[in-house]
Amino acid sequence: MATTPSIPRLLLLLSKRDQTLATAESITAGLISAALTDIAGASKIFKGGIVAYSDEVKHDVLGVPTIIFRDEEHSSSFFLCRS
């Protein structure tokens, strides 16, 4: 998998800050996790990822409020606040 230059920079930055990373993906279907783990040493930073494609999994596993799936205005605000 081709990795963008920003992925190694992100891992380096997190390492310098002694921080870790986990992901929750939907439409990317795990591509972000794959790009992260394509970098040597990523396991020190990257703890894992969840691919939650269905609304049911997004709600049950990730705790996304169900209003998010019904209301585009709430959806944009919710995910903007989480990023």
PDB file of N, CA and C in Angstrom:
ATOM      1  N   MET A   1       0.843  -1.183   0.000  1.00  0.00           N
ATOM      2  CA  MET A   1       0.000   0.000   0.000  1.00  0.00           C
ATOM      3  C   MET A   1       0.887   1.246   0.000  1.00  0.00           C
ATOM      4  N   ALA A   2       0.561   2.189  -0.843  1.00  0.00           N
ATOM      5  CA  ALA A   2       1.309   3.445  -0.879  1.00  0.00           C
ATOM      6  C   ALA A   2       0.931   4.292   0.334  1.00  0.00           C
ATOM      7  N   THR A   3       1.937   4.806   1.000  1.00  0.00           N
ATOM      8  CA  THR A   3       1.710   5.622   2.188  1.00  0.00           C
ATOM      9  C   THR A   3       1.993   7.078   1.865  1.00  0.00           C
ATOM     10  N   THR A   4       1.097   7.957   2.273  1.00  0.00           N
ATOM     11  CA  THR A   4       1.334   9.378   2.067  1.00  0.00           C
ATOM     12  C   THR A   4       2.395   9.854   3.053  1.00  0.00           C
ATOM     13  N   PRO A   5       3.142  10.893   2.713  1.00  0.00           N
ATOM     14  CA  PRO A   5       4.196  11.394   3.606  1.00  0.00           C
ATOM     15  C   PRO A   5       3.673  11.825   4.976  1.00  0.00           C
ATOM     16  N   SER A   6       2.400  12.153   5.071  1.00  0.00           N
ATOM     17  CA  SER A   6       1.860  12.623   6.351  1.00  0.00           C
ATOM     18  C   SER A   6       1.752  11.510   7.389  1.00  0.00           C
ATOM     19  N   ILE A   7       1.643  10.257   6.970  1.00  0.00           N
ATOM     20  CA  ILE A   7       1.509   9.150   7.924  1.00  0.00           C
ATOM     21  C   ILE A   7       2.784   8.982   8.762  1.00  0.00           C
ATOM     22  N   PRO A   8       3.965   8.889   8.157  1.00  0.00           N
ATOM     23  CA  PRO A   8       5.174   8.798   8.988  1.00  0.00           C
ATOM     24  C   PRO A   8       5.367  10.017   9.889  1.00  0.00           C
ATOM     25  N   ARG A   9       5.017  11.198   9.389  1.00  0.00           N
ATOM     26  CA  ARG A   9       5.134  12.412  10.209  1.00  0.00           C
ATOM     27  C   ARG A   9       4.197  12.352  11.407  1.00  0.00           C
ATOM     28  N   LEU A  10       2.992  11.864  11.186  1.00  0.00           N
ATOM     29  CA  LEU A  10       2.031  11.725  12.275  1.00  0.00           C
ATOM     30  C   LEU A  10       2.561  10.769  13.336  1.00  0.00           C
ATOM     31  N   LEU A  11       3.063   9.616  12.918  1.00  0.00           N
ATOM     32  CA  LEU A  11       3.591   8.640  13.873  1.00  0.00           C
ATOM     33  C   LEU A  11       4.786   9.195  14.633  1.00  0.00           C
ATOM     34  N   LEU A  12       5.648   9.928  13.961  1.00  0.00           N
ATOM     35  CA  LEU A  12       6.804  10.542  14.614  1.00  0.00           C
ATOM     36  C   LEU A  12       6.356  11.579  15.650  1.00  0.00           C
ATOM     37  N   LEU A  13       5.403  12.407  15.277  1.00  0.00           N
ATOM     38  CA  LEU A  13       4.881  13.422  16.196  1.00  0.00           C
ATOM     39  C   LEU A  13       4.266  12.772  17.438  1.00  0.00           C
ATOM     40  N   LEU A  14       3.461  11.753  17.235  1.00  0.00           N
ATOM     41  CA  LEU A  14       2.843  11.065  18.369  1.00  0.00           C
ATOM     42  C   LEU A  14       3.889  10.402  19.249  1.00  0.00           C
ATOM     43  N   SER A  15       4.912   9.847  18.633  1.00  0.00           N
ATOM     44  CA  SER A  15       5.992   9.206  19.387  1.00  0.00           C
ATOM     45  C   SER A  15       6.722  10.228  20.254  1.00  0.00           C
ATOM     46  N   LYS A  16       7.027  11.378  19.685  1.00  0.00           N
ATOM     47  CA  LYS A  16       7.721  12.433  20.435  1.00  0.00           C
ATOM     48  C   LYS A  16       6.889  12.926  21.612  1.00  0.00           C
ATOM     49  N   ARG A  17       5.579  12.881  21.469  1.00  0.00           N
ATOM     50  CA  ARG A  17       4.677  13.331  22.535  1.00  0.00           C
ATOM     51  C   ARG A  17       4.281  12.187  23.476  1.00  0.00           C
ATOM     52  N   ASP A  18       4.823  11.009  23.230  1.00  0.00           N
ATOM     53  CA  ASP A  18       4.497   9.814  24.013  1.00  0.00           C
ATOM     54  C   ASP A  18       2.987   9.550  24.005  1.00  0.00           C
ATOM     55  N   GLN A  19       2.397   9.682  22.805  1.00  0.00           N
ATOM     56  CA  GLN A  19       0.965   9.466  22.630  1.00  0.00           C
ATOM     57  C   GLN A  19       0.727   8.255  21.735  1.00  0.00           C
ATOM     58  N   THR A  20      -0.473   7.720  21.821  1.00  0.00           N
ATOM     59  CA  THR A  20      -0.860   6.593  20.979  1.00  0.00           C
ATOM     60  C   THR A  20      -2.066   6.981  20.136  1.00  0.00           C
ATOM     61  N   LEU A  21      -2.438   6.077  19.247  1.00  0.00           N
ATOM     62  CA  LEU A  21      -3.518   6.360  18.309  1.00  0.00           C
ATOM     63  C   LEU A  21      -4.362   5.115  18.097  1.00  0.00           C
ATOM     64  N   ALA A  22      -5.661   5.311  18.033  1.00  0.00           N
ATOM     65  CA  ALA A  22      -6.604   4.276  17.622  1.00  0.00           C
ATOM     66  C   ALA A  22      -7.554   4.930  16.625  1.00  0.00           C
ATOM     67  N   THR A  23      -8.131   4.142  15.747  1.00  0.00           N
ATOM     68  CA  THR A  23      -9.013   4.705  14.728  1.00  0.00           C
ATOM     69  C   THR A  23     -10.380   4.043  14.755  1.00  0.00           C
ATOM     70  N   ALA A  24     -11.357   4.776  14.282  1.00  0.00           N
ATOM     71  CA  ALA A  24     -12.687   4.249  13.994  1.00  0.00           C
ATOM     72  C   ALA A  24     -13.002   4.713  12.581  1.00  0.00           C
ATOM     73  N   GLU A  25     -13.161   3.773  11.682  1.00  0.00           N
ATOM     74  CA  GLU A  25     -13.369   4.093  10.274  1.00  0.00           C
ATOM     75  C   GLU A  25     -14.716   3.575   9.798  1.00  0.00           C
ATOM     76  N   SER A  26     -15.218   4.196   8.754  1.00  0.00           N
ATOM     77  CA  SER A  26     -16.445   3.731   8.126  1.00  0.00           C
ATOM     78  C   SER A  26     -16.208   3.615   6.626  1.00  0.00           C
ATOM     79  N   ILE A  27     -16.403   4.701   5.924  1.00  0.00           N
ATOM     80  CA  ILE A  27     -16.312   4.662   4.465  1.00  0.00           C
ATOM     81  C   ILE A  27     -14.901   4.330   3.965  1.00  0.00           C
ATOM     82  N   THR A  28     -13.893   4.572   4.788  1.00  0.00           N
ATOM     83  CA  THR A  28     -12.521   4.231   4.397  1.00  0.00           C
ATOM     84  C   THR A  28     -12.240   2.742   4.552  1.00  0.00           C
ATOM     85  N   ALA A  29     -13.111   2.022   5.237  1.00  0.00           N
ATOM     86  CA  ALA A  29     -13.088   0.555   5.330  1.00  0.00           C
ATOM     87  C   ALA A  29     -11.742  -0.029   5.754  1.00  0.00           C
ATOM     88  N   GLY A  30     -11.048   0.670   6.632  1.00  0.00           N
ATOM     89  CA  GLY A  30      -9.787   0.148   7.149  1.00  0.00           C
ATOM     90  C   GLY A  30      -8.540   0.641   6.440  1.00  0.00           C
ATOM     91  N   LEU A  31      -8.694   1.490   5.450  1.00  0.00           N
ATOM     92  CA  LEU A  31      -7.527   1.979   4.701  1.00  0.00           C
ATOM     93  C   LEU A  31      -6.591   2.813   5.571  1.00  0.00           C
ATOM     94  N   ILE A  32      -7.134   3.559   6.504  1.00  0.00           N
ATOM     95  CA  ILE A  32      -6.288   4.366   7.391  1.00  0.00           C
ATOM     96  C   ILE A  32      -5.461   3.454   8.286  1.00  0.00           C
ATOM     97  N   SER A  33      -6.101   2.452   8.864  1.00  0.00           N
ATOM     98  CA  SER A  33      -5.378   1.482   9.692  1.00  0.00           C
ATOM     99  C   SER A  33      -4.297   0.777   8.881  1.00  0.00           C
ATOM    100  N   ALA A  34      -4.628   0.406   7.660  1.00  0.00           N
ATOM    101  CA  ALA A  34      -3.656  -0.268   6.792  1.00  0.00           C
ATOM    102  C   ALA A  34      -2.467   0.637   6.494  1.00  0.00           C
ATOM    103  N   ALA A  35      -2.724   1.906   6.223  1.00  0.00           N
ATOM    104  CA  ALA A  35      -1.638   2.845   5.937  1.00  0.00           C
ATOM    105  C   ALA A  35      -0.749   3.043   7.161  1.00  0.00           C
ATOM    106  N   LEU A  36      -1.365   3.106   8.329  1.00  0.00           N
ATOM    107  CA  LEU A  36      -0.584   3.279   9.558  1.00  0.00           C
ATOM    108  C   LEU A  36       0.312   2.075   9.826  1.00  0.00           C
ATOM    109  N   THR A  37      -0.227   0.887   9.656  1.00  0.00           N
ATOM    110  CA  THR A  37       0.536  -0.321   9.980  1.00  0.00           C
ATOM    111  C   THR A  37       1.529  -0.699   8.895  1.00  0.00           C
ATOM    112  N   ASP A  38       1.514   0.016   7.802  1.00  0.00           N
ATOM    113  CA  ASP A  38       2.491  -0.206   6.734  1.00  0.00           C
ATOM    114  C   ASP A  38       3.850   0.401   7.091  1.00  0.00           C
ATOM    115  N   ILE A  39       3.905   1.187   8.141  1.00  0.00           N
ATOM    116  CA  ILE A  39       5.124   1.865   8.578  1.00  0.00           C
ATOM    117  C   ILE A  39       5.806   1.034   9.662  1.00  0.00           C
ATOM    118  N   ALA A  40       7.094   0.793   9.489  1.00  0.00           N
ATOM    119  CA  ALA A  40       7.860   0.036  10.488  1.00  0.00           C
ATOM    120  C   ALA A  40       7.802   0.736  11.840  1.00  0.00           C
ATOM    121  N   GLY A  41       7.542  -0.018  12.880  1.00  0.00           N
ATOM    122  CA  GLY A  41       7.494   0.530  14.227  1.00  0.00           C
ATOM    123  C   GLY A  41       6.159   1.125  14.626  1.00  0.00           C
ATOM    124  N   ALA A  42       5.178   1.063  13.745  1.00  0.00           N
ATOM    125  CA  ALA A  42       3.873   1.668  14.028  1.00  0.00           C
ATOM    126  C   ALA A  42       3.185   1.042  15.232  1.00  0.00           C
ATOM    127  N   SER A  43       3.513  -0.202  15.536  1.00  0.00           N
ATOM    128  CA  SER A  43       2.836  -0.884  16.650  1.00  0.00           C
ATOM    129  C   SER A  43       3.121  -0.231  18.000  1.00  0.00           C
ATOM    130  N   LYS A  44       4.170   0.574  18.065  1.00  0.00           N
ATOM    131  CA  LYS A  44       4.457   1.305  19.308  1.00  0.00           C
ATOM    132  C   LYS A  44       3.458   2.443  19.523  1.00  0.00           C
ATOM    133  N   ILE A  45       2.864   2.917  18.450  1.00  0.00           N
ATOM    134  CA  ILE A  45       1.959   4.060  18.495  1.00  0.00           C
ATOM    135  C   ILE A  45       0.512   3.639  18.237  1.00  0.00           C
ATOM    136  N   PHE A  46       0.315   2.838  17.203  1.00  0.00           N
ATOM    137  CA  PHE A  46      -1.029   2.473  16.762  1.00  0.00           C
ATOM    138  C   PHE A  46      -1.559   1.295  17.568  1.00  0.00           C
ATOM    139  N   LYS A  47      -2.630   1.528  18.302  1.00  0.00           N
ATOM    140  CA  LYS A  47      -3.205   0.502  19.180  1.00  0.00           C
ATOM    141  C   LYS A  47      -4.228  -0.375  18.485  1.00  0.00           C
ATOM    142  N   GLY A  48      -4.832   0.112  17.415  1.00  0.00           N
ATOM    143  CA  GLY A  48      -5.812  -0.688  16.686  1.00  0.00           C
ATOM    144  C   GLY A  48      -6.893   0.178  16.082  1.00  0.00           C
ATOM    145  N   GLY A  49      -7.759  -0.482  15.332  1.00  0.00           N
ATOM    146  CA  GLY A  49      -8.835   0.242  14.680  1.00  0.00           C
ATOM    147  C   GLY A  49     -10.093  -0.590  14.579  1.00  0.00           C
ATOM    148  N   ILE A  50     -11.189   0.103  14.443  1.00  0.00           N
ATOM    149  CA  ILE A  50     -12.485  -0.527  14.252  1.00  0.00           C
ATOM    150  C   ILE A  50     -13.045  -0.026  12.934  1.00  0.00           C
ATOM    151  N   VAL A  51     -13.521  -0.951  12.116  1.00  0.00           N
ATOM    152  CA  VAL A  51     -14.225  -0.582  10.900  1.00  0.00           C
ATOM    153  C   VAL A  51     -15.706  -0.794  11.187  1.00  0.00           C
ATOM    154  N   ALA A  52     -16.402   0.298  11.362  1.00  0.00           N
ATOM    155  CA  ALA A  52     -17.828   0.262  11.693  1.00  0.00           C
ATOM    156  C   ALA A  52     -18.602   0.758  10.482  1.00  0.00           C
ATOM    157  N   TYR A  53     -18.974  -0.146   9.627  1.00  0.00           N
ATOM    158  CA  TYR A  53     -19.618   0.247   8.380  1.00  0.00           C
ATOM    159  C   TYR A  53     -21.119   0.460   8.547  1.00  0.00           C
ATOM    160  N   SER A  54     -21.755  -0.337   9.384  1.00  0.00           N
ATOM    161  CA  SER A  54     -23.206  -0.193   9.567  1.00  0.00           C
ATOM    162  C   SER A  54     -23.510   0.774  10.711  1.00  0.00           C
ATOM    163  N   ASP A  55     -24.657   1.411  10.618  1.00  0.00           N
ATOM    164  CA  ASP A  55     -25.086   2.316  11.689  1.00  0.00           C
ATOM    165  C   ASP A  55     -25.233   1.566  13.007  1.00  0.00           C
ATOM    166  N   GLU A  56     -25.661   0.313  12.943  1.00  0.00           N
ATOM    167  CA  GLU A  56     -25.831  -0.497  14.155  1.00  0.00           C
ATOM    168  C   GLU A  56     -24.504  -0.650  14.900  1.00  0.00           C
ATOM    169  N   VAL A  57     -23.440  -0.946  14.182  1.00  0.00           N
ATOM    170  CA  VAL A  57     -22.124  -1.097  14.814  1.00  0.00           C
ATOM    171  C   VAL A  57     -21.615   0.257  15.303  1.00  0.00           C
ATOM    172  N   LYS A  58     -21.834   1.294  14.522  1.00  0.00           N
ATOM    173  CA  LYS A  58     -21.418   2.633  14.952  1.00  0.00           C
ATOM    174  C   LYS A  58     -22.073   3.000  16.281  1.00  0.00           C
ATOM    175  N   HIS A  59     -23.332   2.632  16.436  1.00  0.00           N
ATOM    176  CA  HIS A  59     -24.050   2.936  17.679  1.00  0.00           C
ATOM    177  C   HIS A  59     -23.662   1.974  18.797  1.00  0.00           C
ATOM    178  N   ASP A  60     -23.760   0.672  18.538  1.00  0.00           N
ATOM    179  CA  ASP A  60     -23.563  -0.333  19.590  1.00  0.00           C
ATOM    180  C   ASP A  60     -22.121  -0.426  20.076  1.00  0.00           C
ATOM    181  N   VAL A  61     -21.176  -0.330  19.171  1.00  0.00           N
ATOM    182  CA  VAL A  61     -19.765  -0.506  19.537  1.00  0.00           C
ATOM    183  C   VAL A  61     -19.092   0.821  19.863  1.00  0.00           C
ATOM    184  N   LEU A  62     -19.373   1.838  19.056  1.00  0.00           N
ATOM    185  CA  LEU A  62     -18.681   3.120  19.216  1.00  0.00           C
ATOM    186  C   LEU A  62     -19.476   4.153  20.007  1.00  0.00           C
ATOM    187  N   GLY A  63     -20.738   3.888  20.246  1.00  0.00           N
ATOM    188  CA  GLY A  63     -21.542   4.817  21.029  1.00  0.00           C
ATOM    189  C   GLY A  63     -21.986   6.061  20.287  1.00  0.00           C
ATOM    190  N   VAL A  64     -22.014   6.002  18.966  1.00  0.00           N
ATOM    191  CA  VAL A  64     -22.477   7.150  18.183  1.00  0.00           C
ATOM    192  C   VAL A  64     -23.988   7.292  18.403  1.00  0.00           C
ATOM    193  N   PRO A  65     -24.448   8.474  18.812  1.00  0.00           N
ATOM    194  CA  PRO A  65     -25.885   8.667  19.038  1.00  0.00           C
ATOM    195  C   PRO A  65     -26.695   8.422  17.758  1.00  0.00           C
ATOM    196  N   THR A  66     -27.852   7.782  17.886  1.00  0.00           N
ATOM    197  CA  THR A  66     -28.649   7.435  16.703  1.00  0.00           C
ATOM    198  C   THR A  66     -29.153   8.656  15.944  1.00  0.00           C
ATOM    199  N   ILE A  67     -29.273   9.805  16.597  1.00  0.00           N
ATOM    200  CA  ILE A  67     -29.719  11.012  15.889  1.00  0.00           C
ATOM    201  C   ILE A  67     -28.741  11.372  14.769  1.00  0.00           C
ATOM    202  N   ILE A  68     -27.512  10.983  14.928  1.00  0.00           N
ATOM    203  CA  ILE A  68     -26.483  11.272  13.925  1.00  0.00           C
ATOM    204  C   ILE A  68     -26.849  10.664  12.576  1.00  0.00           C
ATOM    205  N   PHE A  69     -27.459   9.503  12.594  1.00  0.00           N
ATOM    206  CA  PHE A  69     -27.781   8.804  11.349  1.00  0.00           C
ATOM    207  C   PHE A  69     -29.014   9.371  10.666  1.00  0.00           C
ATOM    208  N   ARG A  70     -29.809  10.137  11.394  1.00  0.00           N
ATOM    209  CA  ARG A  70     -31.057  10.673  10.852  1.00  0.00           C
ATOM    210  C   ARG A  70     -30.962  12.140  10.458  1.00  0.00           C
ATOM    211  N   ASP A  71     -29.976  12.848  10.969  1.00  0.00           N
ATOM    212  CA  ASP A  71     -29.939  14.298  10.841  1.00  0.00           C
ATOM    213  C   ASP A  71     -28.555  14.743  10.384  1.00  0.00           C
ATOM    214  N   GLU A  72     -28.476  15.200   9.141  1.00  0.00           N
ATOM    215  CA  GLU A  72     -27.181  15.592   8.565  1.00  0.00           C
ATOM    216  C   GLU A  72     -26.519  16.726   9.347  1.00  0.00           C
ATOM    217  N   GLU A  73     -27.294  17.659   9.860  1.00  0.00           N
ATOM    218  CA  GLU A  73     -26.728  18.771  10.634  1.00  0.00           C
ATOM    219  C   GLU A  73     -26.029  18.255  11.893  1.00  0.00           C
ATOM    220  N   HIS A  74     -26.671  17.343  12.611  1.00  0.00           N
ATOM    221  CA  HIS A  74     -26.060  16.767  13.806  1.00  0.00           C
ATOM    222  C   HIS A  74     -24.844  15.922  13.441  1.00  0.00           C
ATOM    223  N   SER A  75     -24.928  15.228  12.333  1.00  0.00           N
ATOM    224  CA  SER A  75     -23.825  14.366  11.907  1.00  0.00           C
ATOM    225  C   SER A  75     -22.561  15.177  11.680  1.00  0.00           C
ATOM    226  N   SER A  76     -22.663  16.251  10.941  1.00  0.00           N
ATOM    227  CA  SER A  76     -21.495  17.087  10.661  1.00  0.00           C
ATOM    228  C   SER A  76     -20.903  17.650  11.939  1.00  0.00           C
ATOM    229  N   SER A  77     -21.752  18.140  12.820  1.00  0.00           N
ATOM    230  CA  SER A  77     -21.280  18.720  14.078  1.00  0.00           C
ATOM    231  C   SER A  77     -20.620  17.678  14.960  1.00  0.00           C
ATOM    232  N   PHE A  78     -21.217  16.502  15.048  1.00  0.00           N
ATOM    233  CA  PHE A  78     -20.689  15.435  15.902  1.00  0.00           C
ATOM    234  C   PHE A  78     -19.291  15.025  15.456  1.00  0.00           C
ATOM    235  N   PHE A  79     -19.128  14.742  14.180  1.00  0.00           N
ATOM    236  CA  PHE A  79     -17.839  14.251  13.716  1.00  0.00           C
ATOM    237  C   PHE A  79     -16.788  15.351  13.657  1.00  0.00           C
ATOM    238  N   LEU A  80     -17.191  16.584  13.453  1.00  0.00           N
ATOM    239  CA  LEU A  80     -16.247  17.694  13.505  1.00  0.00           C
ATOM    240  C   LEU A  80     -15.705  17.845  14.922  1.00  0.00           C
ATOM    241  N   CYS A  81     -16.566  17.696  15.914  1.00  0.00           N
ATOM    242  CA  CYS A  81     -16.135  17.807  17.313  1.00  0.00           C
ATOM    243  C   CYS A  81     -15.239  16.651  17.723  1.00  0.00           C
ATOM    244  N   ARG A  82     -15.388  15.497  17.115  1.00  0.00           N
ATOM    245  CA  ARG A  82     -14.598  14.320  17.471  1.00  0.00           C
ATOM    246  C   ARG A  82     -13.228  14.310  16.809  1.00  0.00           C
ATOM    247  N   SER A  83     -13.034  15.106  15.782  1.00  0.00           N
ATOM    248  CA  SER A  83     -11.751  15.048  15.068  1.00  0.00           C
ATOM    249  C   SER A  83     -10.690  15.905  15.704  1.00  0.00           C
TER     250      SER A  83
END
